[in-house]
């Protein structure tokens, strides 16, 4: 039976199903394990072994070492992770990506996971279509993706069957026993399809049809580990030097691993050892894949500082110092992992919260004690607040277009309002500063009573703002704190009414001028509005 155009179409269709199933399963796992992913990344420390474990776990969830590495480059570029931490996670990602090849190779007697594929697709689609609970839908996505992945694998394998009768193709595969050719083909093919899991899967599909043995597949496998670095290298374009170094470390790690294993495969009976474990060739490929990454990690993890030095040598120079007018926690690459992107946008919003709080405090200080240095600081902070409001809103729009767990979707919706509250606090602070300037230019001053009332009012608002920001940062509903915030707001409203009436009486008794009265009442209104925005912030994420 000749290999014809129909078989080519079937092969392409099978590859498409395989890639889509892997993506669907990974996204489903990501949605199910969203909060756990955040916790995993939160435990990152300078402990390299812990970083490796995190890399394994994250990649096992999102089913792509390339996606993990791209995300890590985003973290490094955003300054959330140093290069030493990134090295461990990248090594762990290489181990985590071997899960797919192990699933494909799984076989007990005549039973393989492919036999479950139609059932998995049926159950998964049923859960997606007929269950209302988001978590169950996401589980359905995992199950359906699992089934589609194996249906694609089976389709590819069937499409390749006629290739056994094509002598030219069989002869071509024998050339892969040449280390240089095998590594080059594996690297190029993986670089083209941007997925080492998919390229290893195709290699296993060839093995299922008896078209290639481990002696021919092993060097291709080594090359595939190098080819997967292309995604990270492309992703590092436009990043800072440290992020570029992270991509280079990924490449150096896999090249070093290949240098270690090529002599083993050429001069030692390494292939025989792998074949002695099991006669199942797809399993031999999967076992070689995981041993390659485990041994490479075990050997190179202690040498991580040398990899970092090599990356520093290849990418010399220092990164520019962090500028206030730039995002500190956000990077476009992190959007590939939505639950992580949500956690990071909350961090950036917390940064905006700190700035808004400082802006308000400085504006009050400036009103009572004007000076040029404080004015410059307030003006600069206001520009940063405006910048963050614009950029975070843009990022939130991108996140909201992604599929998110219900809790994250709710958090994103709340953040749209919250960052606007921060922005408005900055606007009211600016009004207070302008009032201080007007007072200074007009050589005006408030009465002693008015000054005391203004100080009392601003102090109450600052206390309320601190309580609100604490609630925002913890995102835990504390009944006692919530009650305190509500009391504080009521007290601010009462003071506003009382002080307004007091001031009107001063005006009628000519104890202050109309110009002074306008300034006092305007600032009173600004303080009351800051209290309102603070209360909005307090309860924005309290139920997340």
Protein backbone atom coordinates (compact mmCIF):
# COMPACT_ATOMS: atom_id res chain seq x y z
CA UNK A 1 0.00 0.00 0.00
CA UNK A 2 1.59 3.26 -1.20
CA UNK A 3 1.86 6.35 0.95
CA UNK A 4 -0.33 8.91 -0.83
CA UNK A 5 -1.85 12.36 -0.54
CA UNK A 6 -4.68 11.04 1.65
CA UNK A 7 -2.16 9.68 4.14
CA UNK A 8 -0.41 13.07 4.23
CA UNK A 9 -3.71 14.77 5.02
CA UNK A 10 -4.43 12.18 7.72
CA UNK A 11 -0.96 12.75 9.20
CA UNK A 12 -1.49 16.52 9.28
CA UNK A 13 -4.95 16.07 10.79
CA UNK A 14 -3.59 13.69 13.41
CA UNK A 15 -0.86 16.15 14.32
CA UNK A 16 -3.47 18.90 14.59
CA UNK A 17 -5.61 16.79 16.92
CA UNK A 18 -2.56 15.86 18.98
CA UNK A 19 -1.47 19.48 19.43
CA UNK A 20 -4.99 20.70 20.12
CA UNK A 21 -5.64 17.91 22.62
CA UNK A 22 -2.39 18.69 24.44
CA UNK A 23 -3.26 22.40 24.54
CA UNK A 24 -6.81 21.70 25.69
CA UNK A 25 -5.69 19.32 28.42
CA UNK A 26 -3.00 21.75 29.61
CA UNK A 27 -5.40 24.70 29.73
CA UNK A 28 -7.96 22.62 31.61
CA UNK A 29 -5.38 21.50 34.18
CA UNK A 30 -4.25 25.11 34.50
CA UNK A 31 -7.79 26.26 35.26
CA UNK A 32 -8.38 23.44 37.75
CA UNK A 33 -5.05 24.06 39.50
CA UNK A 34 -4.98 27.85 39.15
CA UNK A 35 -4.67 28.74 42.83
CA UNK A 36 -2.19 25.91 43.37
CA UNK A 37 -0.01 27.26 40.57
CA UNK A 38 0.08 30.63 42.33
CA UNK A 39 1.15 28.93 45.58
CA UNK A 40 3.83 26.92 43.80
CA UNK A 41 5.41 30.00 42.30
CA UNK A 42 5.09 31.84 45.60
CA UNK A 43 7.47 29.37 47.27
CA UNK A 44 10.32 30.09 44.88
CA UNK A 45 13.50 30.81 46.78
CA UNK A 46 17.21 30.73 46.06
CA UNK A 47 17.05 27.01 46.93
CA UNK A 48 17.83 25.44 43.54
CA UNK A 49 16.35 22.04 44.38
CA UNK A 50 13.05 23.62 45.38
CA UNK A 51 13.08 25.62 42.14
CA UNK A 52 13.53 22.38 40.18
CA UNK A 53 10.53 20.81 41.93
CA UNK A 54 8.44 23.88 41.16
CA UNK A 55 9.49 23.67 37.50
CA UNK A 56 8.48 20.00 37.34
CA UNK A 57 5.09 20.63 38.97
CA UNK A 58 4.19 23.69 36.88
CA UNK A 59 5.18 22.02 33.60
CA UNK A 60 3.33 18.82 34.49
CA UNK A 61 0.23 20.99 34.89
CA UNK A 62 0.49 23.20 31.81
CA UNK A 63 1.96 20.37 29.67
CA UNK A 64 4.62 22.47 27.98
CA UNK A 65 8.22 23.15 28.99
CA UNK A 66 8.30 25.91 26.37
CA UNK A 67 5.32 27.65 28.00
CA UNK A 68 6.92 27.35 31.43
CA UNK A 69 10.23 28.74 30.17
CA UNK A 70 8.53 31.63 28.37
CA UNK A 71 6.64 32.41 31.59
CA UNK A 72 9.89 32.31 33.56
CA UNK A 73 11.50 34.71 31.08
CA UNK A 74 8.52 36.99 31.68
CA UNK A 75 9.11 36.79 35.44
CA UNK A 76 12.81 37.53 35.07
CA UNK A 77 12.06 40.42 32.72
CA UNK A 78 9.60 41.82 35.27
CA UNK A 79 12.20 41.50 38.03
CA UNK A 80 10.20 38.90 39.98
CA UNK A 81 12.83 36.20 39.73
CA UNK A 82 16.60 36.28 39.57
CA UNK A 83 18.68 34.22 37.18
CA UNK A 84 19.73 31.70 39.85
CA UNK A 85 16.07 30.90 40.60
CA UNK A 86 15.25 30.71 36.90
CA UNK A 87 17.94 28.08 36.28
CA UNK A 88 16.35 25.59 38.66
CA UNK A 89 12.84 26.12 37.32
CA UNK A 90 14.04 25.69 33.72
CA UNK A 91 15.75 22.41 34.60
CA UNK A 92 12.60 21.22 36.33
CA UNK A 93 10.50 22.22 33.32
CA UNK A 94 12.54 19.86 31.14
CA UNK A 95 11.70 17.00 33.49
CA UNK A 96 8.04 17.93 33.73
CA UNK A 97 7.57 17.88 29.97
CA UNK A 98 8.36 14.14 29.84
CA UNK A 99 4.93 13.36 31.30
CA UNK A 100 3.29 13.41 27.86
CA UNK A 101 5.71 10.88 26.35
CA UNK A 102 5.20 8.55 29.33
CA UNK A 103 1.42 8.70 28.87
CA UNK A 104 1.75 7.93 25.15
CA UNK A 105 4.03 4.96 25.83
CA UNK A 106 1.90 3.49 28.64
CA UNK A 107 0.97 -0.11 27.81
CA UNK A 108 -0.23 -3.07 29.87
CA UNK A 109 -0.57 -6.20 27.75
CA UNK A 110 -2.53 -5.10 24.69
CA UNK A 111 -4.12 -2.19 26.55
CA UNK A 112 -2.95 1.38 25.87
CA UNK A 113 -4.42 4.72 26.85
CA UNK A 114 -5.46 5.14 23.21
CA UNK A 115 -8.20 2.57 23.89
CA UNK A 116 -9.75 5.04 26.33
CA UNK A 117 -9.62 7.99 23.91
CA UNK A 118 -13.19 7.80 22.50
CA UNK A 119 -14.65 7.28 25.98
CA UNK A 120 -12.60 10.18 27.35
CA UNK A 121 -13.79 12.50 24.56
CA UNK A 122 -17.41 11.49 25.15
CA UNK A 123 -17.23 11.98 28.92
CA UNK A 124 -15.24 15.21 28.62
CA UNK A 125 -17.57 16.81 26.08
CA UNK A 126 -20.54 15.72 28.18
CA UNK A 127 -19.11 17.44 31.25
CA UNK A 128 -18.37 20.59 29.26
CA UNK A 129 -21.82 20.81 27.67
CA UNK A 130 -24.14 19.66 30.43
CA UNK A 131 -22.48 20.72 33.70
CA UNK A 132 -22.97 24.26 34.95
CA UNK A 133 -20.26 24.30 37.61
CA UNK A 134 -17.09 25.85 36.14
CA UNK A 135 -14.75 23.46 37.98
CA UNK A 136 -16.53 20.42 36.50
CA UNK A 137 -16.38 22.02 33.05
CA UNK A 138 -12.63 22.45 33.45
CA UNK A 139 -12.26 18.80 34.49
CA UNK A 140 -14.26 17.95 31.36
CA UNK A 141 -11.79 19.99 29.33
CA UNK A 142 -8.90 17.97 30.78
CA UNK A 143 -10.63 14.65 30.05
CA UNK A 144 -11.68 15.66 26.52
CA UNK A 145 -8.21 17.04 25.78
CA UNK A 146 -6.71 13.76 26.97
CA UNK A 147 -8.95 11.83 24.59
CA UNK A 148 -8.34 14.14 21.61
CA UNK A 149 -4.56 13.92 22.20
CA UNK A 150 -4.63 10.13 21.94
CA UNK A 151 -7.03 10.12 19.00
CA UNK A 152 -4.58 12.40 17.22
CA UNK A 153 -1.74 10.07 18.16
CA UNK A 154 -3.64 7.07 16.80
CA UNK A 155 -4.47 8.95 13.59
CA UNK A 156 -0.80 9.87 13.06
CA UNK A 157 0.30 6.31 13.70
CA UNK A 158 -2.26 4.92 11.23
CA UNK A 159 -1.26 7.49 8.60
CA UNK A 160 2.39 6.45 8.92
CA UNK A 161 1.69 2.73 8.46
CA UNK A 162 2.10 2.77 4.62
CA UNK A 163 5.55 4.34 5.05
CA UNK A 164 6.82 0.85 5.93
CA UNK A 165 6.49 0.05 2.20
CA UNK A 166 8.48 3.12 1.08
CA UNK A 167 12.17 2.06 0.89
CA UNK A 168 13.39 5.66 0.45
CA UNK A 169 11.75 6.76 3.69
CA UNK A 170 13.04 3.73 5.61
CA UNK A 171 16.55 4.39 4.28
CA UNK A 172 16.22 8.05 5.30
CA UNK A 173 15.41 7.05 8.87
CA UNK A 174 18.52 4.90 9.05
CA UNK A 175 20.56 8.07 8.54
CA UNK A 176 19.37 9.22 11.97
CA UNK A 177 21.85 6.79 13.52
CA UNK A 178 24.46 9.37 12.55
CA UNK A 179 24.64 11.60 15.67
CA UNK A 180 25.10 14.84 13.73
CA UNK A 181 22.17 14.18 11.36
CA UNK A 182 19.89 12.87 14.11
CA UNK A 183 20.51 15.84 16.42
CA UNK A 184 20.12 18.32 13.55
CA UNK A 185 16.82 16.80 12.36
CA UNK A 186 15.42 16.64 15.90
CA UNK A 187 16.41 20.22 16.65
CA UNK A 188 15.07 21.65 13.38
CA UNK A 189 11.76 19.78 13.48
CA UNK A 190 11.10 20.76 17.12
CA UNK A 191 12.05 24.38 16.39
CA UNK A 192 9.51 24.43 13.54
CA UNK A 193 6.53 23.00 15.45
CA UNK A 194 7.54 24.75 18.73
CA UNK A 195 6.78 21.75 20.94
CA UNK A 196 9.16 19.08 22.16
CA UNK A 197 6.22 17.03 23.50
CA UNK A 198 4.67 16.94 20.02
CA UNK A 199 7.94 16.10 18.26
CA UNK A 200 8.67 13.30 20.74
CA UNK A 201 5.10 12.09 20.20
CA UNK A 202 5.68 11.90 16.44
CA UNK A 203 8.91 10.00 17.07
CA UNK A 204 6.92 7.53 19.21
CA UNK A 205 4.31 7.23 16.43
CA UNK A 206 7.06 6.26 13.99
CA UNK A 207 8.28 3.69 16.52
CA UNK A 208 4.76 2.23 16.88
CA UNK A 209 4.83 1.36 13.15
CA UNK A 210 8.28 -0.23 13.42
CA UNK A 211 9.79 2.52 11.26
CA UNK A 212 12.46 3.50 13.75
CA UNK A 213 14.20 1.86 16.67
CA UNK A 214 15.83 3.41 19.70
CA UNK A 215 19.24 3.31 18.01
CA UNK A 216 17.89 5.69 15.34
CA UNK A 217 15.59 7.69 17.61
CA UNK A 218 18.04 8.48 20.41
CA UNK A 219 20.00 11.20 18.62
CA UNK A 220 16.81 12.75 17.27
CA UNK A 221 15.58 12.83 20.86
CA UNK A 222 18.69 14.70 21.97
CA UNK A 223 18.17 17.21 19.17
CA UNK A 224 14.55 17.70 20.17
CA UNK A 225 15.68 18.88 23.59
CA UNK A 226 17.82 21.52 21.90
CA UNK A 227 15.10 22.54 19.42
CA UNK A 228 12.61 23.31 22.16
CA UNK A 229 14.89 26.19 23.29
CA UNK A 230 13.99 28.18 20.18
CA UNK A 231 10.63 29.19 21.68
CA UNK A 232 12.34 30.70 24.72
CA UNK A 233 15.00 32.41 22.61
CA UNK A 234 12.35 34.03 20.41
CA UNK A 235 10.38 35.03 23.49
CA UNK A 236 13.43 36.78 24.96
CA UNK A 237 13.59 39.26 22.07
CA UNK A 238 12.88 42.71 23.47
CA UNK A 239 13.48 41.71 27.10
CA UNK A 240 16.17 42.92 29.47
CA UNK A 241 19.61 41.31 29.62
CA UNK A 242 18.78 39.07 32.59
CA UNK A 243 15.75 37.61 30.79
CA UNK A 244 17.88 36.98 27.71
CA UNK A 245 20.37 35.19 29.93
CA UNK A 246 17.57 32.94 31.22
CA UNK A 247 16.82 31.88 27.63
CA UNK A 248 20.54 31.28 27.03
CA UNK A 249 20.76 29.16 30.20
CA UNK A 250 17.93 27.00 28.83
CA UNK A 251 19.90 26.46 25.61
CA UNK A 252 23.19 25.83 27.42
CA UNK A 253 21.55 23.29 29.72
CA UNK A 254 20.14 21.21 26.87
CA UNK A 255 23.30 21.48 24.76
CA UNK A 256 25.39 20.40 27.78
CA UNK A 257 23.00 17.49 28.37
CA UNK A 258 23.43 16.40 24.76
CA UNK A 259 27.22 16.63 25.05
CA UNK A 260 27.02 14.36 28.11
CA UNK A 261 24.76 11.76 26.47
CA UNK A 262 26.14 11.53 22.92
CA UNK A 263 29.32 9.71 24.05
CA UNK A 264 27.19 7.41 26.22
CA UNK A 265 25.08 6.47 23.21
CA UNK A 266 28.08 6.10 20.89
CA UNK A 267 30.68 4.35 23.03
CA UNK A 268 28.71 2.62 25.78
CA UNK A 269 25.81 0.13 25.48
CA UNK A 270 23.37 2.81 26.63
CA UNK A 271 20.82 1.84 23.95
CA UNK A 272 21.08 -1.79 25.03
CA UNK A 273 20.43 -0.77 28.64
CA UNK A 274 17.28 1.11 27.64
CA UNK A 275 16.11 -1.79 25.49
CA UNK A 276 16.71 -4.25 28.32
CA UNK A 277 14.20 -2.38 30.52
CA UNK A 278 11.32 -2.90 28.07
CA UNK A 279 10.75 -4.21 24.57
CA UNK A 280 8.12 -1.52 23.92
CA UNK A 281 9.97 0.95 21.63
CA UNK A 282 7.70 3.96 22.41
CA UNK A 283 8.35 3.26 26.11
CA UNK A 284 12.09 3.05 25.41
CA UNK A 285 11.92 6.52 23.83
CA UNK A 286 9.91 7.88 26.77
CA UNK A 287 12.33 6.34 29.30
CA UNK A 288 15.34 7.76 27.45
CA UNK A 289 13.64 11.15 27.37
CA UNK A 290 13.10 11.27 31.12
CA UNK A 291 16.52 9.79 31.98
CA UNK A 292 18.19 12.38 29.73
CA UNK A 293 16.55 15.20 31.66
CA UNK A 294 16.91 13.65 35.12
CA UNK A 295 20.61 12.89 34.69
CA UNK A 296 21.29 16.25 33.01
CA UNK A 297 19.64 18.01 35.94
CA UNK A 298 21.48 15.92 38.53
CA UNK A 299 24.83 16.64 36.87
CA UNK A 300 24.29 20.29 35.95
CA UNK A 301 22.28 21.57 38.93
CA UNK A 302 25.40 21.78 41.14
CA UNK A 303 27.07 23.57 38.21
CA UNK A 304 24.24 26.11 37.89
CA UNK A 305 26.56 29.02 38.87
CA UNK A 306 28.80 28.08 35.92
CA UNK A 307 25.79 28.19 33.56
CA UNK A 308 24.92 31.62 34.96
CA UNK A 309 28.52 32.81 34.43
CA UNK A 310 28.47 31.49 30.87
CA UNK A 311 25.20 33.30 30.19
CA UNK A 312 26.65 36.50 31.68
CA UNK A 313 29.66 36.12 29.40
CA UNK A 314 27.51 35.64 26.30
CA UNK A 315 25.15 38.50 27.28
CA UNK A 316 27.46 41.05 28.94
CA UNK A 317 26.46 44.30 30.60
CA UNK A 318 24.00 45.42 33.25
CA UNK A 319 20.27 45.98 33.10
CA UNK A 320 18.97 49.50 33.42
CA UNK A 321 17.79 50.47 36.87
CA UNK A 322 14.09 50.05 37.52
CA UNK A 323 12.15 53.15 36.48
CA UNK A 324 8.96 54.25 38.27
CA UNK A 325 7.24 54.76 34.91
CA UNK A 326 7.27 51.09 34.02
CA UNK A 327 5.38 48.00 35.08
CA UNK A 328 7.16 46.15 37.86
CA UNK A 329 5.21 42.89 38.05
CA UNK A 330 3.58 42.48 34.63
CA UNK A 331 4.87 41.08 31.38
CA UNK A 332 3.02 40.04 28.22
CA UNK A 333 4.56 36.56 28.39
CA UNK A 334 2.85 35.85 31.72
CA UNK A 335 -0.54 36.07 29.96
CA UNK A 336 0.16 32.56 28.64
CA UNK A 337 -0.63 31.36 32.16
CA UNK A 338 -3.83 33.25 33.14
CA UNK A 339 -4.00 32.32 36.86
CA UNK A 340 -0.44 33.59 37.30
CA UNK A 341 -1.23 36.74 35.30
CA UNK A 342 -4.12 37.48 37.69
CA UNK A 343 -1.83 37.11 40.71
CA UNK A 344 0.70 39.46 39.12
CA UNK A 345 -1.83 42.14 38.17
CA UNK A 346 -3.02 42.16 41.79
CA UNK A 347 0.61 42.79 42.84
CA UNK A 348 0.89 45.67 40.41
CA UNK A 349 -2.38 47.05 41.75
CA UNK A 350 -0.98 46.82 45.29
CA UNK A 351 1.94 48.90 44.10
CA UNK A 352 -0.55 51.48 42.85
CA UNK A 353 -2.30 51.34 46.24
CA UNK A 354 0.93 52.22 48.05
CA UNK A 355 1.51 55.15 45.68
CA UNK A 356 -2.04 56.44 46.13
CA UNK A 357 -1.67 56.26 49.91
CA UNK A 358 1.63 58.15 49.78
CA UNK A 359 0.20 60.71 47.37
CA UNK A 360 -2.68 61.47 49.74
CA UNK A 361 -0.40 61.78 52.77
CA UNK A 362 2.02 64.07 50.92
CA UNK A 363 -0.79 66.28 49.63
CA UNK A 364 -2.06 66.91 53.16
CA UNK A 365 1.47 67.62 54.35
CA UNK A 366 2.00 70.02 51.47
CA UNK A 367 -1.23 71.89 52.21
CA UNK A 368 -0.13 72.67 55.75
CA UNK A 369 3.61 73.09 55.00
CA UNK A 370 4.17 73.95 51.30
CA UNK A 371 7.68 73.36 49.91
CA UNK A 372 9.06 72.85 46.40
CA UNK A 373 10.67 69.46 47.13
CA UNK A 374 7.38 67.95 48.32
CA UNK A 375 5.57 69.50 45.37
CA UNK A 376 7.95 67.78 42.94
CA UNK A 377 7.44 64.46 44.70
CA UNK A 378 3.64 64.75 44.60
CA UNK A 379 3.69 65.73 40.93
CA UNK A 380 5.98 62.81 40.02
CA UNK A 381 3.85 60.30 41.97
CA UNK A 382 0.70 61.55 40.25
CA UNK A 383 2.28 60.91 36.85
CA UNK A 384 3.17 57.36 37.91
CA UNK A 385 -0.41 56.80 39.16
CA UNK A 386 -1.80 57.96 35.81
CA UNK A 387 0.63 55.69 33.96
CA UNK A 388 -0.21 52.65 36.11
CA UNK A 389 -3.93 53.26 35.76
CA UNK A 390 -3.63 53.21 31.98
CA UNK A 391 -1.26 50.23 31.75
CA UNK A 392 -3.00 48.05 34.35
CA UNK A 393 -6.37 48.70 32.71
CA UNK A 394 -4.92 47.63 29.36
CA UNK A 395 -3.50 44.47 30.95
CA UNK A 396 -6.81 43.70 32.67
CA UNK A 397 -8.61 43.94 29.33
CA UNK A 398 -6.24 41.32 27.92
CA UNK A 399 -6.68 39.04 30.94
CA UNK A 400 -10.48 39.33 30.86
CA UNK A 401 -10.44 37.97 27.29
CA UNK A 402 -8.85 34.74 28.58
CA UNK A 403 -10.61 31.77 30.14
CA UNK A 404 -10.31 32.10 33.90
CA UNK A 405 -11.54 30.30 37.01
CA UNK A 406 -14.65 31.98 38.44
CA UNK A 407 -12.77 33.47 41.40
CA UNK A 408 -10.09 34.99 39.15
CA UNK A 409 -12.70 36.34 36.75
CA UNK A 410 -14.44 38.04 39.68
CA UNK A 411 -11.12 39.47 40.90
CA UNK A 412 -10.34 40.91 37.47
CA UNK A 413 -13.79 42.54 37.30
CA UNK A 414 -13.29 44.08 40.73
CA UNK A 415 -9.82 45.38 39.85
CA UNK A 416 -11.21 47.48 37.00
CA UNK A 417 -13.09 49.49 39.64
CA UNK A 418 -10.36 49.38 42.29
CA UNK A 419 -7.57 50.89 40.19
CA UNK A 420 -10.00 53.62 39.21
CA UNK A 421 -10.49 54.30 42.93
CA UNK A 422 -6.71 54.59 43.35
CA UNK A 423 -6.62 56.98 40.42
CA UNK A 424 -9.41 59.10 41.88
CA UNK A 425 -7.62 59.29 45.25
CA UNK A 426 -4.65 60.68 43.33
CA UNK A 427 -6.95 63.22 41.62
CA UNK A 428 -8.33 64.42 44.95
CA UNK A 429 -4.79 64.63 46.35
CA UNK A 430 -3.90 66.79 43.37
CA UNK A 431 -6.88 69.04 44.15
CA UNK A 432 -5.62 69.44 47.73
CA UNK A 433 -2.15 70.38 46.46
CA UNK A 434 -3.63 72.93 44.06
CA UNK A 435 -5.65 74.39 46.95
CA UNK A 436 -2.43 74.69 48.95
CA UNK A 437 -0.78 76.48 46.04
CA UNK A 438 -3.75 78.85 45.74
CA UNK A 439 -3.58 79.59 49.46
CA UNK A 440 0.16 80.29 49.19
CA UNK A 441 -0.14 82.49 46.10
CA UNK A 442 -3.09 84.44 47.54
CA UNK A 443 -1.36 84.69 50.92
CA UNK A 444 -4.47 83.22 52.52
CA UNK A 445 -4.69 81.31 55.77
CA UNK A 446 -7.43 79.39 57.53
CA UNK A 447 -8.67 80.20 61.00
CA UNK A 448 -7.35 78.15 63.89
CA UNK A 449 -10.67 76.29 64.19
CA UNK A 450 -10.71 75.55 60.46
CA UNK A 451 -7.13 74.24 60.63
CA UNK A 452 -7.97 71.98 63.57
CA UNK A 453 -11.06 70.63 61.79
CA UNK A 454 -9.06 70.03 58.61
CA UNK A 455 -6.39 68.13 60.55
CA UNK A 456 -8.98 66.03 62.35
CA UNK A 457 -10.78 65.24 59.12
CA UNK A 458 -7.58 64.31 57.23
CA UNK A 459 -6.44 62.09 60.12
CA UNK A 460 -9.76 60.22 60.11
CA UNK A 461 -9.51 59.71 56.36
CA UNK A 462 -5.91 58.47 56.63
CA UNK A 463 -6.95 55.92 59.27
CA UNK A 464 -9.81 54.76 57.05
CA UNK A 465 -7.50 54.54 54.04
CA UNK A 466 -5.01 52.41 55.99
CA UNK A 467 -7.78 50.07 57.12
CA UNK A 468 -9.08 49.83 53.56
CA UNK A 469 -5.68 49.06 52.06
CA UNK A 470 -5.09 46.37 54.67
CA UNK A 471 -8.37 44.75 53.64
CA UNK A 472 -7.39 45.04 49.98
CA UNK A 473 -3.96 43.49 50.46
CA UNK A 474 -5.17 40.53 52.52
CA UNK A 475 -8.29 39.94 50.40
CA UNK A 476 -9.81 38.18 53.39
CA UNK A 477 -13.15 39.30 54.78
CA UNK A 478 -12.48 40.28 58.39
CA UNK A 479 -15.79 41.09 60.10
CA UNK A 480 -14.17 43.21 62.81
CA UNK A 481 -12.15 45.21 60.31
CA UNK A 482 -15.16 45.57 58.02
CA UNK A 483 -17.19 46.93 60.93
CA UNK A 484 -14.36 49.34 61.82
CA UNK A 485 -14.23 50.59 58.21
CA UNK A 486 -17.98 51.15 58.14
CA UNK A 487 -17.77 53.07 61.45
CA UNK A 488 -14.88 55.16 60.13
CA UNK A 489 -16.81 56.09 57.02
CA UNK A 490 -19.87 57.08 59.06
CA UNK A 491 -17.66 59.23 61.31
CA UNK A 492 -16.14 60.93 58.26
CA UNK A 493 -19.63 61.67 56.89
CA UNK A 494 -20.72 63.08 60.26
CA UNK A 495 -17.59 65.21 60.51
CA UNK A 496 -18.11 66.50 56.99
CA UNK A 497 -21.61 67.67 57.82
CA UNK A 498 -20.58 69.12 61.20
CA UNK A 499 -17.50 70.94 59.88
CA UNK A 500 -19.42 72.30 56.89
CA UNK A 501 -22.05 73.77 59.22
CA UNK A 502 -19.33 75.18 61.50
CA UNK A 503 -17.69 76.88 58.56
CA UNK A 504 -20.92 78.38 57.34
CA UNK A 505 -21.40 79.87 60.81
CA UNK A 506 -17.87 81.32 60.66
CA UNK A 507 -18.69 82.86 57.29
CA UNK A 508 -21.90 84.44 58.58
CA UNK A 509 -20.00 85.87 61.55
CA UNK A 510 -17.25 87.18 59.19
CA UNK A 511 -14.58 85.15 60.97
CA UNK A 512 -13.26 84.07 57.58
CA UNK A 513 -13.44 85.36 54.02
CA UNK A 514 -15.41 83.81 51.12
CA UNK A 515 -12.09 82.89 49.44
CA UNK A 516 -11.04 80.95 52.52
CA UNK A 517 -14.49 79.40 52.70
CA UNK A 518 -14.29 78.09 49.13
CA UNK A 519 -10.92 76.46 49.80
CA UNK A 520 -12.07 74.88 53.05
CA UNK A 521 -15.29 73.47 51.60
CA UNK A 522 -13.54 72.17 48.48
CA UNK A 523 -10.93 70.31 50.51
CA UNK A 524 -13.64 69.00 52.83
CA UNK A 525 -15.37 67.58 49.77
CA UNK A 526 -12.12 66.03 48.50
CA UNK A 527 -11.49 64.36 51.86
CA UNK A 528 -15.00 62.94 51.95
CA UNK A 529 -14.59 61.55 48.42
CA UNK A 530 -11.25 59.94 49.33
CA UNK A 531 -13.05 58.21 52.22
CA UNK A 532 -15.71 56.93 49.80
CA UNK A 533 -13.08 55.56 47.40
CA UNK A 534 -11.22 53.97 50.32
CA UNK A 535 -14.39 52.16 51.37
CA UNK A 536 -14.90 50.91 47.81
CA UNK A 537 -11.34 49.56 47.81
CA UNK A 538 -11.77 47.83 51.16
CA UNK A 539 -14.61 45.64 49.97
CA UNK A 540 -13.56 45.22 46.33
CA UNK A 541 -11.74 41.91 46.75
CA UNK A 542 -12.86 40.93 50.25
CA UNK A 543 -14.75 37.87 49.04
CA UNK A 544 -12.11 36.58 46.63
